[in-house]
Amino acid sequence: MTTIRSEDVKKLRAETGVGMMDCKKALQDANGDFVRARQILREQGLELMGQQGREASEGRVECYSHHSAKIGAMVEIACNTDFAAKSADFVQFSKDLALHIAAAKPRYIAPENVPAADLDQEREVYRKQLEKEGKPAHIIEKAVEGRLNRFYEENCLLKQAFAKDPTVRVEDLLADLRTKTGENILIKRFSRYEVGAGGA
């Protein structure tokens, strides 16, 4: 049996939007052949989850309030049909995500949502840190990108380790929900509130 690398599973999931377990099984069935694995997913009706163009005009807004009433969060999650929005899996994901946002304090939904000005500022800070640490000039840029990846993992909702199970990322849970519902599910926006924290 062909050994399936986790990197390959992640690549197929990124290309299709299908859940990790389905991608792994497709690669196993295809003996590691990406083209065949995608064909298997299509035959199962799963690859459509990777088509972000499908209209997602239904969904739900979920709220979470900590028992202290000092921290709260609100998130809007969109999908294709009202049927999916009312499903148990979708509702549970929404509740878990609102709780996660309250706990993990994300600033952005995904890396592509980070404003260029924020990225430039982070890069400059990392360069100065590395220079102060005495790192050679030829490795500073590579090290800066490495620290940026850590910045994404700490501040981008999809890249964060899930609060209730740090062994998986929010993006993995989202991909699994797309597989379960057969719909294009998107996290549209969120807000986090904390008494005394200020901000908009």
N, C-alpha and C. Protein backbone atom coordinates (compact mmCIF):
# COMPACT_ATOMS: atom_id res chain seq x y z
N MET A 1 0.84 -1.20 0.00
CA MET A 1 0.00 0.00 0.00
C MET A 1 0.88 1.25 0.00
N THR A 2 0.49 2.24 -0.81
CA THR A 2 1.25 3.48 -0.89
C THR A 2 1.11 4.28 0.39
N THR A 3 2.22 4.78 0.91
CA THR A 3 2.19 5.62 2.11
C THR A 3 1.73 7.02 1.71
N ILE A 4 0.69 7.49 2.38
CA ILE A 4 0.14 8.81 2.07
C ILE A 4 0.68 9.82 3.08
N ARG A 5 1.39 10.82 2.57
CA ARG A 5 1.97 11.84 3.45
C ARG A 5 0.92 12.87 3.84
N SER A 6 1.04 13.37 5.06
CA SER A 6 0.09 14.38 5.54
C SER A 6 0.14 15.63 4.68
N GLU A 7 1.35 15.94 4.13
CA GLU A 7 1.48 17.11 3.27
C GLU A 7 0.63 16.96 2.01
N ASP A 8 0.55 15.74 1.48
CA ASP A 8 -0.25 15.49 0.28
C ASP A 8 -1.74 15.61 0.59
N VAL A 9 -2.13 15.12 1.76
CA VAL A 9 -3.54 15.23 2.16
C VAL A 9 -3.93 16.70 2.28
N LYS A 10 -3.06 17.49 2.91
CA LYS A 10 -3.33 18.92 3.09
C LYS A 10 -3.40 19.63 1.74
N LYS A 11 -2.54 19.23 0.81
CA LYS A 11 -2.53 19.84 -0.52
C LYS A 11 -3.84 19.56 -1.25
N LEU A 12 -4.30 18.31 -1.19
CA LEU A 12 -5.55 17.95 -1.86
C LEU A 12 -6.73 18.65 -1.21
N ARG A 13 -6.69 18.77 0.12
CA ARG A 13 -7.78 19.47 0.81
C ARG A 13 -7.80 20.94 0.41
N ALA A 14 -6.61 21.56 0.29
CA ALA A 14 -6.54 22.97 -0.10
C ALA A 14 -7.06 23.18 -1.52
N GLU A 15 -6.81 22.20 -2.38
CA GLU A 15 -7.24 22.31 -3.78
C GLU A 15 -8.73 22.07 -3.96
N THR A 16 -9.31 21.25 -3.10
CA THR A 16 -10.71 20.86 -3.30
C THR A 16 -11.67 21.41 -2.25
N GLY A 17 -11.15 21.72 -1.05
CA GLY A 17 -12.03 22.17 0.03
C GLY A 17 -12.72 21.01 0.74
N VAL A 18 -12.36 19.78 0.38
CA VAL A 18 -12.98 18.59 0.97
C VAL A 18 -12.27 18.24 2.28
N GLY A 19 -12.97 17.59 3.20
CA GLY A 19 -12.43 17.24 4.51
C GLY A 19 -11.19 16.35 4.43
N MET A 20 -10.37 16.42 5.48
CA MET A 20 -9.09 15.70 5.53
C MET A 20 -9.26 14.19 5.38
N MET A 21 -10.21 13.60 6.08
CA MET A 21 -10.36 12.15 6.05
C MET A 21 -10.78 11.67 4.65
N ASP A 22 -11.67 12.43 4.00
CA ASP A 22 -12.09 12.06 2.65
C ASP A 22 -10.92 12.19 1.67
N CYS A 23 -10.10 13.24 1.84
CA CYS A 23 -8.94 13.42 0.97
C CYS A 23 -7.93 12.28 1.16
N LYS A 24 -7.72 11.90 2.41
CA LYS A 24 -6.77 10.82 2.70
C LYS A 24 -7.25 9.51 2.08
N LYS A 25 -8.55 9.22 2.23
CA LYS A 25 -9.08 7.97 1.67
C LYS A 25 -8.99 7.98 0.14
N ALA A 26 -9.27 9.14 -0.47
CA ALA A 26 -9.21 9.24 -1.93
C ALA A 26 -7.78 9.00 -2.42
N LEU A 27 -6.80 9.56 -1.72
CA LEU A 27 -5.40 9.36 -2.09
C LEU A 27 -4.98 7.90 -1.90
N GLN A 28 -5.48 7.29 -0.84
CA GLN A 28 -5.18 5.87 -0.61
C GLN A 28 -5.76 5.01 -1.74
N ASP A 29 -7.02 5.29 -2.10
CA ASP A 29 -7.68 4.53 -3.16
C ASP A 29 -7.00 4.75 -4.50
N ALA A 30 -6.37 5.95 -4.65
CA ALA A 30 -5.72 6.29 -5.92
C ALA A 30 -4.22 5.98 -5.90
N ASN A 31 -3.77 5.31 -4.84
CA ASN A 31 -2.33 4.99 -4.69
C ASN A 31 -1.45 6.23 -4.80
N GLY A 32 -1.92 7.34 -4.24
CA GLY A 32 -1.13 8.57 -4.21
C GLY A 32 -1.23 9.42 -5.46
N ASP A 33 -2.01 9.00 -6.45
CA ASP A 33 -2.15 9.74 -7.71
C ASP A 33 -3.16 10.88 -7.50
N PHE A 34 -2.68 12.15 -7.59
CA PHE A 34 -3.54 13.31 -7.33
C PHE A 34 -4.69 13.41 -8.32
N VAL A 35 -4.40 13.19 -9.61
CA VAL A 35 -5.44 13.30 -10.64
C VAL A 35 -6.55 12.29 -10.39
N ARG A 36 -6.15 11.05 -10.09
CA ARG A 36 -7.14 10.00 -9.81
C ARG A 36 -7.88 10.31 -8.51
N ALA A 37 -7.18 10.83 -7.51
CA ALA A 37 -7.83 11.16 -6.23
C ALA A 37 -8.91 12.22 -6.42
N ARG A 38 -8.60 13.22 -7.24
CA ARG A 38 -9.62 14.25 -7.52
C ARG A 38 -10.80 13.65 -8.25
N GLN A 39 -10.53 12.72 -9.17
CA GLN A 39 -11.60 12.06 -9.91
C GLN A 39 -12.49 11.26 -8.95
N ILE A 40 -11.86 10.59 -7.99
CA ILE A 40 -12.63 9.82 -7.00
C ILE A 40 -13.53 10.75 -6.19
N LEU A 41 -12.99 11.89 -5.78
CA LEU A 41 -13.80 12.85 -5.02
C LEU A 41 -14.96 13.37 -5.86
N ARG A 42 -14.70 13.62 -7.15
CA ARG A 42 -15.76 14.10 -8.04
C ARG A 42 -16.85 13.04 -8.18
N GLU A 43 -16.43 11.79 -8.31
CA GLU A 43 -17.40 10.69 -8.44
C GLU A 43 -18.27 10.58 -7.20
N GLN A 44 -17.71 10.97 -6.06
CA GLN A 44 -18.46 10.93 -4.80
C GLN A 44 -19.25 12.21 -4.58
N GLY A 45 -19.12 13.16 -5.52
CA GLY A 45 -19.84 14.43 -5.40
C GLY A 45 -19.25 15.35 -4.36
N LEU A 46 -17.98 15.15 -4.03
CA LEU A 46 -17.37 15.93 -2.95
C LEU A 46 -16.55 17.11 -3.45
N GLU A 47 -15.97 17.02 -4.65
CA GLU A 47 -15.06 18.06 -5.08
C GLU A 47 -15.74 19.41 -5.26
N LEU A 48 -17.07 19.42 -5.39
CA LEU A 48 -17.77 20.68 -5.56
C LEU A 48 -17.56 21.62 -4.38
N MET A 49 -17.15 21.06 -3.20
CA MET A 49 -16.91 21.93 -2.05
C MET A 49 -15.74 22.86 -2.29
N GLY A 50 -14.88 22.54 -3.22
CA GLY A 50 -13.76 23.41 -3.52
C GLY A 50 -14.11 24.55 -4.45
N GLN A 51 -15.34 24.55 -4.97
CA GLN A 51 -15.76 25.60 -5.89
C GLN A 51 -16.36 26.75 -5.11
N GLN A 52 -15.52 27.74 -4.83
CA GLN A 52 -15.94 28.83 -3.96
C GLN A 52 -16.98 29.76 -4.60
N GLY A 53 -17.22 29.58 -5.90
CA GLY A 53 -18.15 30.49 -6.57
C GLY A 53 -19.60 30.21 -6.28
N ARG A 54 -19.93 29.06 -5.73
CA ARG A 54 -21.33 28.75 -5.43
C ARG A 54 -21.89 29.78 -4.46
N GLU A 55 -23.08 30.25 -4.78
CA GLU A 55 -23.68 31.31 -3.97
C GLU A 55 -23.99 30.81 -2.56
N ALA A 56 -23.53 31.56 -1.58
CA ALA A 56 -23.79 31.22 -0.18
C ALA A 56 -24.62 32.35 0.43
N SER A 57 -25.93 32.27 0.22
CA SER A 57 -26.81 33.36 0.64
C SER A 57 -27.66 33.01 1.86
N GLU A 58 -27.51 31.78 2.37
CA GLU A 58 -28.19 31.38 3.60
C GLU A 58 -27.15 31.29 4.71
N GLY A 59 -27.59 30.88 5.89
CA GLY A 59 -26.63 30.75 6.99
C GLY A 59 -27.24 31.12 8.32
N ARG A 60 -26.36 31.47 9.27
CA ARG A 60 -26.85 31.86 10.59
C ARG A 60 -25.84 32.77 11.27
N VAL A 61 -26.34 33.53 12.21
CA VAL A 61 -25.51 34.35 13.08
C VAL A 61 -25.56 33.70 14.45
N GLU A 62 -24.38 33.42 15.00
CA GLU A 62 -24.31 32.76 16.31
C GLU A 62 -23.61 33.69 17.29
N CYS A 63 -24.10 33.67 18.53
CA CYS A 63 -23.51 34.50 19.59
C CYS A 63 -23.05 33.62 20.75
N TYR A 64 -22.01 34.09 21.44
CA TYR A 64 -21.54 33.42 22.64
C TYR A 64 -21.27 34.48 23.69
N SER A 65 -21.69 34.19 24.91
CA SER A 65 -21.39 35.09 26.01
C SER A 65 -20.83 34.26 27.16
N HIS A 66 -19.64 34.64 27.63
CA HIS A 66 -19.01 33.93 28.74
C HIS A 66 -19.87 34.09 29.99
N HIS A 67 -19.79 33.08 30.89
CA HIS A 67 -20.64 33.11 32.09
C HIS A 67 -20.39 34.34 32.97
N SER A 68 -19.22 34.94 32.82
CA SER A 68 -18.91 36.16 33.58
C SER A 68 -19.60 37.38 32.99
N ALA A 69 -20.15 37.23 31.77
CA ALA A 69 -20.78 38.32 31.04
C ALA A 69 -19.80 39.45 30.72
N LYS A 70 -18.51 39.13 30.69
CA LYS A 70 -17.49 40.13 30.37
C LYS A 70 -16.83 39.90 29.01
N ILE A 71 -17.06 38.73 28.43
CA ILE A 71 -16.50 38.41 27.11
C ILE A 71 -17.60 37.80 26.25
N GLY A 72 -17.67 38.26 25.00
CA GLY A 72 -18.67 37.71 24.09
C GLY A 72 -18.18 37.74 22.66
N ALA A 73 -18.86 37.00 21.80
CA ALA A 73 -18.49 36.96 20.39
C ALA A 73 -19.72 36.74 19.54
N MET A 74 -19.64 37.23 18.29
CA MET A 74 -20.71 37.03 17.32
C MET A 74 -20.06 36.69 15.99
N VAL A 75 -20.63 35.70 15.29
CA VAL A 75 -20.06 35.29 14.01
C VAL A 75 -21.18 35.01 13.01
N GLU A 76 -20.94 35.38 11.74
CA GLU A 76 -21.87 35.09 10.66
C GLU A 76 -21.25 34.02 9.77
N ILE A 77 -21.97 32.92 9.57
CA ILE A 77 -21.50 31.82 8.73
C ILE A 77 -22.53 31.60 7.63
N ALA A 78 -22.07 31.59 6.39
CA ALA A 78 -22.96 31.47 5.24
C ALA A 78 -22.87 30.08 4.62
N CYS A 79 -23.99 29.65 4.01
CA CYS A 79 -24.03 28.38 3.29
C CYS A 79 -25.00 28.54 2.11
N ASN A 80 -25.26 27.45 1.39
CA ASN A 80 -26.09 27.54 0.20
C ASN A 80 -27.58 27.42 0.46
N THR A 81 -27.96 26.61 1.46
CA THR A 81 -29.38 26.36 1.69
C THR A 81 -29.76 26.53 3.17
N ASP A 82 -31.03 26.86 3.37
CA ASP A 82 -31.55 26.98 4.72
C ASP A 82 -31.55 25.63 5.42
N PHE A 83 -31.70 24.57 4.63
CA PHE A 83 -31.69 23.20 5.18
C PHE A 83 -30.37 22.93 5.89
N ALA A 84 -29.25 23.30 5.23
CA ALA A 84 -27.93 23.08 5.84
C ALA A 84 -27.75 23.97 7.06
N ALA A 85 -28.23 25.22 6.97
CA ALA A 85 -28.07 26.18 8.08
C ALA A 85 -28.76 25.68 9.35
N LYS A 86 -29.80 24.88 9.18
CA LYS A 86 -30.55 24.39 10.34
C LYS A 86 -30.11 22.99 10.79
N SER A 87 -29.15 22.42 10.07
CA SER A 87 -28.69 21.08 10.42
C SER A 87 -27.93 21.09 11.75
N ALA A 88 -27.95 19.95 12.42
CA ALA A 88 -27.29 19.84 13.73
C ALA A 88 -25.79 20.13 13.62
N ASP A 89 -25.15 19.62 12.56
CA ASP A 89 -23.70 19.83 12.39
C ASP A 89 -23.37 21.31 12.20
N PHE A 90 -24.18 22.00 11.41
CA PHE A 90 -23.94 23.41 11.14
C PHE A 90 -24.15 24.25 12.41
N VAL A 91 -25.22 23.95 13.13
CA VAL A 91 -25.51 24.68 14.36
C VAL A 91 -24.41 24.47 15.39
N GLN A 92 -23.94 23.22 15.54
CA GLN A 92 -22.88 22.93 16.51
C GLN A 92 -21.59 23.63 16.12
N PHE A 93 -21.24 23.61 14.82
CA PHE A 93 -20.04 24.30 14.35
C PHE A 93 -20.14 25.79 14.66
N SER A 94 -21.30 26.38 14.44
CA SER A 94 -21.49 27.81 14.69
C SER A 94 -21.29 28.15 16.17
N LYS A 95 -21.86 27.33 17.02
CA LYS A 95 -21.73 27.56 18.47
C LYS A 95 -20.27 27.41 18.90
N ASP A 96 -19.62 26.35 18.41
CA ASP A 96 -18.21 26.12 18.75
C ASP A 96 -17.33 27.26 18.25
N LEU A 97 -17.65 27.77 17.06
CA LEU A 97 -16.84 28.83 16.49
C LEU A 97 -16.99 30.13 17.28
N ALA A 98 -18.20 30.44 17.70
CA ALA A 98 -18.41 31.64 18.51
C ALA A 98 -17.63 31.55 19.82
N LEU A 99 -17.67 30.38 20.45
CA LEU A 99 -16.91 30.16 21.68
C LEU A 99 -15.41 30.29 21.41
N HIS A 100 -14.95 29.70 20.31
CA HIS A 100 -13.53 29.77 19.95
C HIS A 100 -13.08 31.22 19.77
N ILE A 101 -13.87 32.01 19.09
CA ILE A 101 -13.52 33.41 18.85
C ILE A 101 -13.38 34.16 20.17
N ALA A 102 -14.29 33.90 21.09
CA ALA A 102 -14.21 34.54 22.40
C ALA A 102 -12.92 34.14 23.13
N ALA A 103 -12.54 32.87 22.99
CA ALA A 103 -11.37 32.35 23.72
C ALA A 103 -10.05 32.70 23.04
N ALA A 104 -10.00 32.63 21.70
CA ALA A 104 -8.71 32.70 20.98
C ALA A 104 -8.36 34.09 20.46
N LYS A 105 -9.29 35.02 20.49
CA LYS A 105 -9.04 36.41 20.10
C LYS A 105 -8.46 36.58 18.69
N PRO A 106 -9.05 35.96 17.67
CA PRO A 106 -8.53 36.18 16.32
C PRO A 106 -8.76 37.63 15.89
N ARG A 107 -7.90 38.10 14.99
CA ARG A 107 -8.02 39.48 14.48
C ARG A 107 -8.53 39.49 13.05
N TYR A 108 -8.30 38.42 12.32
CA TYR A 108 -8.69 38.34 10.91
C TYR A 108 -9.28 36.96 10.64
N ILE A 109 -10.00 36.82 9.52
CA ILE A 109 -10.55 35.52 9.17
C ILE A 109 -9.46 34.61 8.59
N ALA A 110 -8.69 35.13 7.62
CA ALA A 110 -7.67 34.32 6.93
C ALA A 110 -6.48 35.20 6.60
N PRO A 111 -5.32 34.60 6.26
CA PRO A 111 -4.14 35.40 5.91
C PRO A 111 -4.40 36.44 4.83
N GLU A 112 -5.24 36.08 3.85
CA GLU A 112 -5.52 37.03 2.77
C GLU A 112 -6.34 38.24 3.21
N ASN A 113 -6.89 38.17 4.43
CA ASN A 113 -7.65 39.30 4.96
C ASN A 113 -6.80 40.26 5.79
N VAL A 114 -5.52 39.93 5.99
CA VAL A 114 -4.64 40.81 6.77
C VAL A 114 -4.26 42.01 5.89
N PRO A 115 -4.54 43.23 6.32
CA PRO A 115 -4.19 44.40 5.52
C PRO A 115 -2.68 44.49 5.26
N ALA A 116 -2.33 44.97 4.08
CA ALA A 116 -0.92 45.07 3.70
C ALA A 116 -0.12 45.90 4.71
N ALA A 117 -0.74 46.95 5.23
CA ALA A 117 -0.06 47.81 6.19
C ALA A 117 0.30 47.04 7.46
N ASP A 118 -0.60 46.16 7.90
CA ASP A 118 -0.33 45.34 9.08
C ASP A 118 0.82 44.36 8.82
N LEU A 119 0.82 43.77 7.63
CA LEU A 119 1.89 42.84 7.28
C LEU A 119 3.25 43.54 7.21
N ASP A 120 3.26 44.73 6.60
CA ASP A 120 4.51 45.49 6.50
C ASP A 120 5.04 45.82 7.89
N GLN A 121 4.13 46.18 8.79
CA GLN A 121 4.53 46.52 10.15
C GLN A 121 5.11 45.29 10.86
N GLU A 122 4.45 44.13 10.71
CA GLU A 122 4.95 42.91 11.33
C GLU A 122 6.32 42.54 10.78
N ARG A 123 6.48 42.62 9.46
CA ARG A 123 7.76 42.29 8.83
C ARG A 123 8.89 43.17 9.36
N GLU A 124 8.59 44.45 9.51
CA GLU A 124 9.61 45.39 9.99
C GLU A 124 10.01 45.05 11.42
N VAL A 125 9.03 44.74 12.25
CA VAL A 125 9.30 44.36 13.64
C VAL A 125 10.18 43.11 13.68
N TYR A 126 9.84 42.09 12.86
CA TYR A 126 10.59 40.84 12.85
C TYR A 126 12.02 41.07 12.35
N ARG A 127 12.18 41.91 11.33
CA ARG A 127 13.53 42.21 10.81
C ARG A 127 14.40 42.81 11.91
N LYS A 128 13.84 43.77 12.63
CA LYS A 128 14.61 44.44 13.69
C LYS A 128 14.95 43.46 14.81
N GLN A 129 14.00 42.57 15.13
CA GLN A 129 14.27 41.56 16.17
C GLN A 129 15.42 40.65 15.74
N LEU A 130 15.37 40.21 14.48
CA LEU A 130 16.39 39.30 13.98
C LEU A 130 17.76 39.97 13.87
N GLU A 131 17.75 41.22 13.46
CA GLU A 131 19.00 41.97 13.40
C GLU A 131 19.60 42.11 14.79
N LYS A 132 18.74 42.38 15.77
CA LYS A 132 19.19 42.52 17.16
C LYS A 132 19.73 41.20 17.69
N GLU A 133 19.16 40.09 17.19
CA GLU A 133 19.63 38.77 17.61
C GLU A 133 20.93 38.38 16.92
N GLY A 134 21.36 39.24 15.96
CA GLY A 134 22.62 38.98 15.27
C GLY A 134 22.53 37.97 14.14
N LYS A 135 21.32 37.76 13.60
CA LYS A 135 21.17 36.81 12.51
C LYS A 135 21.83 37.37 11.24
N PRO A 136 22.45 36.51 10.43
CA PRO A 136 23.07 36.95 9.17
C PRO A 136 22.02 37.49 8.21
N ALA A 137 22.40 38.47 7.41
CA ALA A 137 21.46 39.14 6.51
C ALA A 137 20.81 38.17 5.53
N HIS A 138 21.58 37.15 5.08
CA HIS A 138 21.05 36.25 4.04
C HIS A 138 19.96 35.30 4.55
N ILE A 139 19.79 35.18 5.87
CA ILE A 139 18.72 34.31 6.37
C ILE A 139 17.58 35.11 7.02
N ILE A 140 17.76 36.40 7.13
CA ILE A 140 16.74 37.21 7.81
C ILE A 140 15.40 37.14 7.09
N GLU A 141 15.40 37.30 5.75
CA GLU A 141 14.13 37.31 5.02
C GLU A 141 13.37 35.99 5.17
N LYS A 142 14.10 34.88 5.10
CA LYS A 142 13.47 33.57 5.27
C LYS A 142 12.90 33.44 6.68
N ALA A 143 13.66 33.93 7.65
CA ALA A 143 13.21 33.86 9.04
C ALA A 143 12.00 34.75 9.27
N VAL A 144 11.96 35.89 8.58
CA VAL A 144 10.81 36.80 8.69
C VAL A 144 9.55 36.09 8.21
N GLU A 145 9.64 35.39 7.08
CA GLU A 145 8.47 34.67 6.56
C GLU A 145 8.04 33.56 7.52
N GLY A 146 9.00 32.93 8.17
CA GLY A 146 8.68 31.91 9.16
C GLY A 146 7.90 32.49 10.33
N ARG A 147 8.32 33.66 10.76
CA ARG A 147 7.62 34.31 11.88
C ARG A 147 6.25 34.82 11.44
N LEU A 148 6.14 35.19 10.17
CA LEU A 148 4.83 35.61 9.66
C LEU A 148 3.85 34.45 9.68
N ASN A 149 4.33 33.25 9.36
CA ASN A 149 3.46 32.07 9.41
C ASN A 149 2.95 31.86 10.83
N ARG A 150 3.81 32.08 11.81
CA ARG A 150 3.38 31.97 13.20
C ARG A 150 2.36 33.06 13.55
N PHE A 151 2.57 34.26 12.98
CA PHE A 151 1.63 35.37 13.17
C PHE A 151 0.25 34.97 12.64
N TYR A 152 0.21 34.33 11.46
CA TYR A 152 -1.06 33.89 10.89
C TYR A 152 -1.73 32.87 11.81
N GLU A 153 -0.95 31.93 12.32
CA GLU A 153 -1.50 30.88 13.18
C GLU A 153 -2.07 31.45 14.47
N GLU A 154 -1.51 32.56 14.92
CA GLU A 154 -1.97 33.17 16.17
C GLU A 154 -3.13 34.13 15.96
N ASN A 155 -3.20 34.76 14.78
CA ASN A 155 -4.15 35.85 14.59
C ASN A 155 -5.24 35.63 13.56
N CYS A 156 -5.08 34.64 12.68
CA CYS A 156 -6.08 34.37 11.64
C CYS A 156 -6.98 33.21 12.08
N LEU A 157 -8.26 33.45 12.13
CA LEU A 157 -9.23 32.48 12.64
C LEU A 157 -9.07 31.10 12.00
N LEU A 158 -8.99 31.03 10.68
CA LEU A 158 -8.92 29.74 10.01
C LEU A 158 -7.65 28.97 10.33
N LYS A 159 -6.56 29.69 10.62
CA LYS A 159 -5.27 29.04 10.88
C LYS A 159 -5.07 28.69 12.35
N GLN A 160 -5.96 29.15 13.22
CA GLN A 160 -5.79 28.92 14.65
C GLN A 160 -6.09 27.46 15.03
N ALA A 161 -5.38 26.98 16.05
CA ALA A 161 -5.71 25.69 16.64
C ALA A 161 -7.06 25.85 17.35
N PHE A 162 -7.95 24.90 17.15
CA PHE A 162 -9.29 24.98 17.71
C PHE A 162 -9.26 24.94 19.23
N ALA A 163 -9.98 25.85 19.86
CA ALA A 163 -9.93 26.00 21.32
C ALA A 163 -10.33 24.72 22.07
N LYS A 164 -11.31 23.99 21.54
CA LYS A 164 -11.79 22.79 22.23
C LYS A 164 -10.97 21.55 21.89
N ASP A 165 -10.15 21.63 20.83
CA ASP A 165 -9.30 20.51 20.43
C ASP A 165 -8.11 21.06 19.64
N PRO A 166 -7.02 21.44 20.33
CA PRO A 166 -5.86 22.07 19.69
C PRO A 166 -5.14 21.21 18.65
N THR A 167 -5.54 19.93 18.52
CA THR A 167 -4.89 19.08 17.52
C THR A 167 -5.41 19.35 16.11
N VAL A 168 -6.50 20.11 15.99
CA VAL A 168 -7.04 20.44 14.67
C VAL A 168 -7.16 21.96 14.55
N ARG A 169 -7.13 22.44 13.32
CA ARG A 169 -7.30 23.86 13.06
C ARG A 169 -8.75 24.15 12.68
N VAL A 170 -9.14 25.40 12.82
CA VAL A 170 -10.50 25.81 12.46
C VAL A 170 -10.76 25.50 10.99
N GLU A 171 -9.76 25.71 10.12
CA GLU A 171 -9.95 25.45 8.69
C GLU A 171 -10.24 23.98 8.42
N ASP A 172 -9.71 23.08 9.26
CA ASP A 172 -9.99 21.65 9.10
C ASP A 172 -11.44 21.34 9.46
N LEU A 173 -11.93 21.97 10.53
CA LEU A 173 -13.33 21.78 10.94
C LEU A 173 -14.26 22.30 9.86
N LEU A 174 -13.90 23.43 9.26
CA LEU A 174 -14.72 24.02 8.20
C LEU A 174 -14.76 23.09 6.99
N ALA A 175 -13.62 22.54 6.62
CA ALA A 175 -13.57 21.61 5.48
C ALA A 175 -14.42 20.37 5.75
N ASP A 176 -14.36 19.85 6.97
CA ASP A 176 -15.17 18.68 7.32
C ASP A 176 -16.66 19.00 7.25
N LEU A 177 -17.05 20.20 7.67
CA LEU A 177 -18.46 20.59 7.62
C LEU A 177 -18.92 20.73 6.17
N ARG A 178 -18.05 21.24 5.31
CA ARG A 178 -18.40 21.32 3.88
C ARG A 178 -18.66 19.93 3.32
N THR A 179 -17.84 18.97 3.74
CA THR A 179 -18.01 17.60 3.27
C THR A 179 -19.32 17.01 3.77
N LYS A 180 -19.62 17.23 5.05
CA LYS A 180 -20.84 16.67 5.64
C LYS A 180 -22.10 17.25 4.99
N THR A 181 -22.10 18.55 4.72
CA THR A 181 -23.30 19.21 4.20
C THR A 181 -23.36 19.22 2.68
N GLY A 182 -22.20 19.07 2.02
CA GLY A 182 -22.16 19.15 0.56
C GLY A 182 -22.36 20.57 0.07
N GLU A 183 -22.06 21.55 0.93
CA GLU A 183 -22.30 22.95 0.55
C GLU A 183 -21.05 23.80 0.72
N ASN A 184 -21.09 24.94 0.04
CA ASN A 184 -20.00 25.92 0.15
C ASN A 184 -20.27 26.75 1.40
N ILE A 185 -19.49 26.55 2.45
CA ILE A 185 -19.70 27.24 3.72
C ILE A 185 -18.57 28.23 3.94
N LEU A 186 -18.94 29.45 4.26
CA LEU A 186 -17.97 30.53 4.43
C LEU A 186 -18.17 31.23 5.75
N ILE A 187 -17.06 31.59 6.40
CA ILE A 187 -17.13 32.46 7.58
C ILE A 187 -17.08 33.89 7.03
N LYS A 188 -18.18 34.61 7.17
CA LYS A 188 -18.31 35.92 6.53
C LYS A 188 -17.68 37.04 7.36
N ARG A 189 -17.96 37.05 8.66
CA ARG A 189 -17.42 38.10 9.53
C ARG A 189 -17.64 37.69 10.99
N PHE A 190 -16.90 38.36 11.87
CA PHE A 190 -17.06 38.09 13.30
C PHE A 190 -16.68 39.34 14.09
N SER A 191 -17.15 39.37 15.32
CA SER A 191 -16.78 40.44 16.26
C SER A 191 -16.58 39.80 17.63
N ARG A 192 -15.62 40.35 18.36
CA ARG A 192 -15.35 39.88 19.71
C ARG A 192 -15.42 41.06 20.65
N TYR A 193 -16.04 40.87 21.79
CA TYR A 193 -16.22 41.95 22.74
C TYR A 193 -15.67 41.53 24.11
N GLU A 194 -15.03 42.49 24.76
CA GLU A 194 -14.51 42.24 26.11
C GLU A 194 -14.63 43.53 26.91
N VAL A 195 -15.27 43.41 28.06
CA VAL A 195 -15.48 44.58 28.91
C VAL A 195 -14.14 45.21 29.27
N GLY A 196 -14.03 46.50 29.03
CA GLY A 196 -12.81 47.24 29.37
C GLY A 196 -11.71 47.18 28.34
N ALA A 197 -11.92 46.39 27.26
CA ALA A 197 -10.87 46.24 26.26
C ALA A 197 -10.82 47.40 25.28
N GLY A 198 -11.94 48.11 25.13
CA GLY A 198 -11.99 49.24 24.20
C GLY A 198 -12.00 48.76 22.76
N GLY A 199 -11.78 49.68 21.85
CA GLY A 199 -11.76 49.34 20.43
C GLY A 199 -13.14 49.41 19.83
N ALA A 200 -13.18 49.28 18.49
CA ALA A 200 -14.46 49.41 17.78
C ALA A 200 -15.26 48.13 17.89
